[in-house]
Amino acid sequence: MTDTPVSKMTFEQAMAELEQVVGRLERGDVALDESITLYERGAALKKRCEAKLKDAEEKVAAITLDGDGQPKGTTPVEGL
């Protein structure tokens, strides 16, 4: 885990740390108190990743719509 506040992380930083947190929790070799701390950090990282993905989705939607809100002839990517 890093000391970087979750709110300051890029998507890539948050995702990398989330993977580390999940790995440690899955191994099950951490004390209960540390597991709770890891779980809380993981929840915050997940929330950050979801927010960054939503921002990206909104930017893509804005780029692919014309001034009237109609598609510019591009096909939206499903799941984004």
N, C-alpha and C. Protein backbone atom coordinates (compact mmCIF):
# COMPACT_ATOMS: atom_id res chain seq x y z
N MET A 1 0.85 -1.18 0.00
CA MET A 1 0.00 0.00 0.00
C MET A 1 0.89 1.23 0.00
N THR A 2 0.36 2.28 -0.62
CA THR A 2 1.09 3.53 -0.64
C THR A 2 0.45 4.49 0.34
N ASP A 3 1.15 5.58 0.57
CA ASP A 3 0.61 6.63 1.43
C ASP A 3 -0.16 7.67 0.63
N THR A 4 -0.21 7.50 -0.68
CA THR A 4 -0.91 8.44 -1.54
C THR A 4 -2.40 8.42 -1.21
N PRO A 5 -2.99 9.60 -0.98
CA PRO A 5 -4.44 9.62 -0.76
C PRO A 5 -5.17 9.08 -1.99
N VAL A 6 -6.18 8.27 -1.77
CA VAL A 6 -6.93 7.67 -2.87
C VAL A 6 -7.47 8.76 -3.80
N SER A 7 -7.89 9.88 -3.24
CA SER A 7 -8.48 10.95 -4.05
C SER A 7 -7.47 11.59 -5.01
N LYS A 8 -6.19 11.36 -4.81
CA LYS A 8 -5.15 11.93 -5.66
C LYS A 8 -4.62 10.93 -6.69
N MET A 9 -5.10 9.71 -6.65
CA MET A 9 -4.57 8.65 -7.52
C MET A 9 -5.18 8.70 -8.91
N THR A 10 -4.36 8.33 -9.89
CA THR A 10 -4.88 8.12 -11.23
C THR A 10 -5.62 6.78 -11.23
N PHE A 11 -6.35 6.53 -12.29
CA PHE A 11 -7.04 5.25 -12.42
C PHE A 11 -6.03 4.11 -12.33
N GLU A 12 -4.92 4.24 -13.05
CA GLU A 12 -3.92 3.18 -13.10
C GLU A 12 -3.30 2.92 -11.73
N GLN A 13 -3.03 3.98 -10.99
CA GLN A 13 -2.46 3.81 -9.64
C GLN A 13 -3.46 3.11 -8.72
N ALA A 14 -4.71 3.56 -8.77
CA ALA A 14 -5.74 2.97 -7.92
C ALA A 14 -5.97 1.50 -8.26
N MET A 15 -5.99 1.19 -9.55
CA MET A 15 -6.22 -0.19 -9.97
C MET A 15 -5.06 -1.09 -9.55
N ALA A 16 -3.84 -0.61 -9.70
CA ALA A 16 -2.67 -1.40 -9.30
C ALA A 16 -2.68 -1.69 -7.81
N GLU A 17 -2.99 -0.68 -7.02
CA GLU A 17 -3.02 -0.90 -5.58
C GLU A 17 -4.19 -1.78 -5.19
N LEU A 18 -5.32 -1.62 -5.85
CA LEU A 18 -6.48 -2.47 -5.57
C LEU A 18 -6.13 -3.94 -5.82
N GLU A 19 -5.40 -4.20 -6.89
CA GLU A 19 -4.97 -5.57 -7.18
C GLU A 19 -4.07 -6.11 -6.06
N GLN A 20 -3.20 -5.26 -5.54
CA GLN A 20 -2.33 -5.68 -4.43
C GLN A 20 -3.15 -5.99 -3.18
N VAL A 21 -4.12 -5.13 -2.89
CA VAL A 21 -4.98 -5.31 -1.72
C VAL A 21 -5.75 -6.63 -1.83
N VAL A 22 -6.34 -6.85 -2.99
CA VAL A 22 -7.12 -8.08 -3.20
C VAL A 22 -6.22 -9.30 -3.05
N GLY A 23 -5.03 -9.23 -3.61
CA GLY A 23 -4.09 -10.35 -3.49
C GLY A 23 -3.76 -10.67 -2.06
N ARG A 24 -3.50 -9.64 -1.27
CA ARG A 24 -3.18 -9.87 0.15
C ARG A 24 -4.37 -10.45 0.90
N LEU A 25 -5.56 -9.94 0.62
CA LEU A 25 -6.74 -10.46 1.30
C LEU A 25 -7.02 -11.90 0.89
N GLU A 26 -6.81 -12.22 -0.38
CA GLU A 26 -7.06 -13.58 -0.85
C GLU A 26 -6.09 -14.58 -0.23
N ARG A 27 -4.86 -14.16 0.00
CA ARG A 27 -3.88 -15.07 0.63
C ARG A 27 -4.30 -15.41 2.06
N GLY A 28 -4.95 -14.47 2.72
CA GLY A 28 -5.45 -14.72 4.08
C GLY A 28 -4.37 -14.79 5.14
N ASP A 29 -3.21 -14.23 4.85
CA ASP A 29 -2.12 -14.32 5.83
C ASP A 29 -1.90 -13.01 6.59
N VAL A 30 -2.97 -12.21 6.71
CA VAL A 30 -2.87 -10.95 7.47
C VAL A 30 -3.79 -11.03 8.69
N ALA A 31 -3.41 -10.31 9.72
CA ALA A 31 -4.20 -10.29 10.95
C ALA A 31 -5.56 -9.63 10.70
N LEU A 32 -6.50 -9.91 11.57
CA LEU A 32 -7.85 -9.40 11.42
C LEU A 32 -7.88 -7.87 11.31
N ASP A 33 -7.18 -7.18 12.20
CA ASP A 33 -7.17 -5.71 12.16
C ASP A 33 -6.63 -5.20 10.83
N GLU A 34 -5.56 -5.82 10.35
CA GLU A 34 -4.99 -5.40 9.07
C GLU A 34 -5.93 -5.75 7.91
N SER A 35 -6.64 -6.85 8.03
CA SER A 35 -7.61 -7.23 7.00
C SER A 35 -8.70 -6.17 6.88
N ILE A 36 -9.15 -5.69 8.02
CA ILE A 36 -10.20 -4.65 8.02
C ILE A 36 -9.66 -3.38 7.37
N THR A 37 -8.44 -3.00 7.71
CA THR A 37 -7.82 -1.81 7.12
C THR A 37 -7.66 -1.99 5.61
N LEU A 38 -7.21 -3.17 5.20
CA LEU A 38 -7.05 -3.45 3.77
C LEU A 38 -8.39 -3.41 3.05
N TYR A 39 -9.41 -3.98 3.68
CA TYR A 39 -10.73 -3.99 3.07
C TYR A 39 -11.25 -2.56 2.88
N GLU A 40 -11.07 -1.73 3.89
CA GLU A 40 -11.50 -0.33 3.80
C GLU A 40 -10.76 0.40 2.69
N ARG A 41 -9.45 0.18 2.61
CA ARG A 41 -8.64 0.81 1.56
C ARG A 41 -9.10 0.30 0.19
N GLY A 42 -9.36 -1.00 0.10
CA GLY A 42 -9.83 -1.59 -1.15
C GLY A 42 -11.16 -1.01 -1.59
N ALA A 43 -12.05 -0.79 -0.65
CA ALA A 43 -13.36 -0.21 -0.98
C ALA A 43 -13.19 1.21 -1.52
N ALA A 44 -12.29 1.98 -0.91
CA ALA A 44 -12.03 3.34 -1.38
C ALA A 44 -11.38 3.33 -2.76
N LEU A 45 -10.47 2.40 -2.98
CA LEU A 45 -9.82 2.29 -4.29
C LEU A 45 -10.82 1.89 -5.37
N LYS A 46 -11.71 0.96 -5.05
CA LYS A 46 -12.75 0.54 -6.00
C LYS A 46 -13.64 1.72 -6.37
N LYS A 47 -14.02 2.49 -5.38
CA LYS A 47 -14.86 3.66 -5.62
C LYS A 47 -14.14 4.66 -6.52
N ARG A 48 -12.84 4.86 -6.29
CA ARG A 48 -12.05 5.78 -7.11
C ARG A 48 -12.00 5.29 -8.56
N CYS A 49 -11.76 4.01 -8.76
CA CYS A 49 -11.71 3.44 -10.10
C CYS A 49 -13.05 3.62 -10.81
N GLU A 50 -14.14 3.36 -10.11
CA GLU A 50 -15.47 3.51 -10.71
C GLU A 50 -15.72 4.96 -11.10
N ALA A 51 -15.31 5.91 -10.25
CA ALA A 51 -15.51 7.32 -10.55
C ALA A 51 -14.70 7.74 -11.77
N LYS A 52 -13.45 7.28 -11.85
CA LYS A 52 -12.60 7.62 -12.99
C LYS A 52 -13.15 7.02 -14.27
N LEU A 53 -13.68 5.80 -14.21
CA LEU A 53 -14.29 5.19 -15.39
C LEU A 53 -15.54 5.94 -15.83
N LYS A 54 -16.33 6.39 -14.86
CA LYS A 54 -17.54 7.15 -15.19
C LYS A 54 -17.16 8.47 -15.87
N ASP A 55 -16.12 9.13 -15.35
CA ASP A 55 -15.65 10.37 -15.98
C ASP A 55 -15.23 10.11 -17.42
N ALA A 56 -14.50 9.03 -17.64
CA ALA A 56 -14.04 8.70 -18.99
C ALA A 56 -15.23 8.41 -19.90
N GLU A 57 -16.22 7.70 -19.38
CA GLU A 57 -17.42 7.38 -20.16
C GLU A 57 -18.13 8.67 -20.58
N GLU A 58 -18.24 9.62 -19.67
CA GLU A 58 -18.91 10.87 -19.98
C GLU A 58 -18.13 11.67 -21.03
N LYS A 59 -16.81 11.64 -20.96
CA LYS A 59 -15.99 12.33 -21.96
C LYS A 59 -16.15 11.70 -23.32
N VAL A 60 -16.17 10.37 -23.38
CA VAL A 60 -16.36 9.68 -24.65
C VAL A 60 -17.73 10.01 -25.22
N ALA A 61 -18.74 10.01 -24.38
CA ALA A 61 -20.09 10.34 -24.83
C ALA A 61 -20.14 11.76 -25.38
N ALA A 62 -19.47 12.71 -24.73
CA ALA A 62 -19.47 14.09 -25.18
C ALA A 62 -18.76 14.22 -26.52
N ILE A 63 -17.72 13.45 -26.73
CA ILE A 63 -16.97 13.50 -27.98
C ILE A 63 -17.78 12.91 -29.12
N THR A 64 -18.56 11.88 -28.84
CA THR A 64 -19.27 11.17 -29.90
C THR A 64 -20.66 11.72 -30.19
N LEU A 65 -21.07 12.80 -29.50
CA LEU A 65 -22.37 13.41 -29.75
C LEU A 65 -22.17 14.79 -30.36
N ASP A 66 -23.09 15.15 -31.27
CA ASP A 66 -23.00 16.49 -31.86
C ASP A 66 -23.67 17.50 -30.93
N GLY A 67 -23.77 18.74 -31.37
CA GLY A 67 -24.35 19.80 -30.55
C GLY A 67 -25.78 19.55 -30.13
N ASP A 68 -26.51 18.74 -30.91
CA ASP A 68 -27.90 18.42 -30.59
C ASP A 68 -28.03 17.16 -29.74
N GLY A 69 -26.90 16.61 -29.34
CA GLY A 69 -26.93 15.39 -28.53
C GLY A 69 -27.14 14.13 -29.34
N GLN A 70 -26.99 14.25 -30.65
CA GLN A 70 -27.18 13.09 -31.53
C GLN A 70 -25.82 12.45 -31.84
N PRO A 71 -25.79 11.15 -32.02
CA PRO A 71 -24.52 10.49 -32.35
C PRO A 71 -23.95 11.05 -33.64
N LYS A 72 -22.61 11.14 -33.68
CA LYS A 72 -21.91 11.65 -34.86
C LYS A 72 -21.60 10.55 -35.85
N GLY A 73 -22.26 9.44 -35.77
CA GLY A 73 -22.01 8.35 -36.70
C GLY A 73 -21.04 7.31 -36.16
N THR A 74 -20.69 7.43 -34.90
CA THR A 74 -19.83 6.44 -34.29
C THR A 74 -20.67 5.48 -33.47
N THR A 75 -20.17 4.33 -33.27
CA THR A 75 -20.87 3.33 -32.47
C THR A 75 -20.31 3.36 -31.06
N PRO A 76 -21.16 3.55 -30.04
CA PRO A 76 -20.66 3.55 -28.67
C PRO A 76 -20.08 2.20 -28.31
N VAL A 77 -19.06 2.23 -27.48
CA VAL A 77 -18.43 1.00 -27.01
C VAL A 77 -19.26 0.49 -25.84
N GLU A 78 -19.76 -0.72 -25.98
CA GLU A 78 -20.60 -1.29 -24.94
C GLU A 78 -19.79 -1.52 -23.67
N GLY A 79 -20.36 -1.15 -22.53
CA GLY A 79 -19.70 -1.35 -21.25
C GLY A 79 -18.92 -0.15 -20.78
N LEU A 80 -18.84 0.88 -21.59
CA LEU A 80 -18.13 2.10 -21.18
C LEU A 80 -19.12 3.19 -20.88
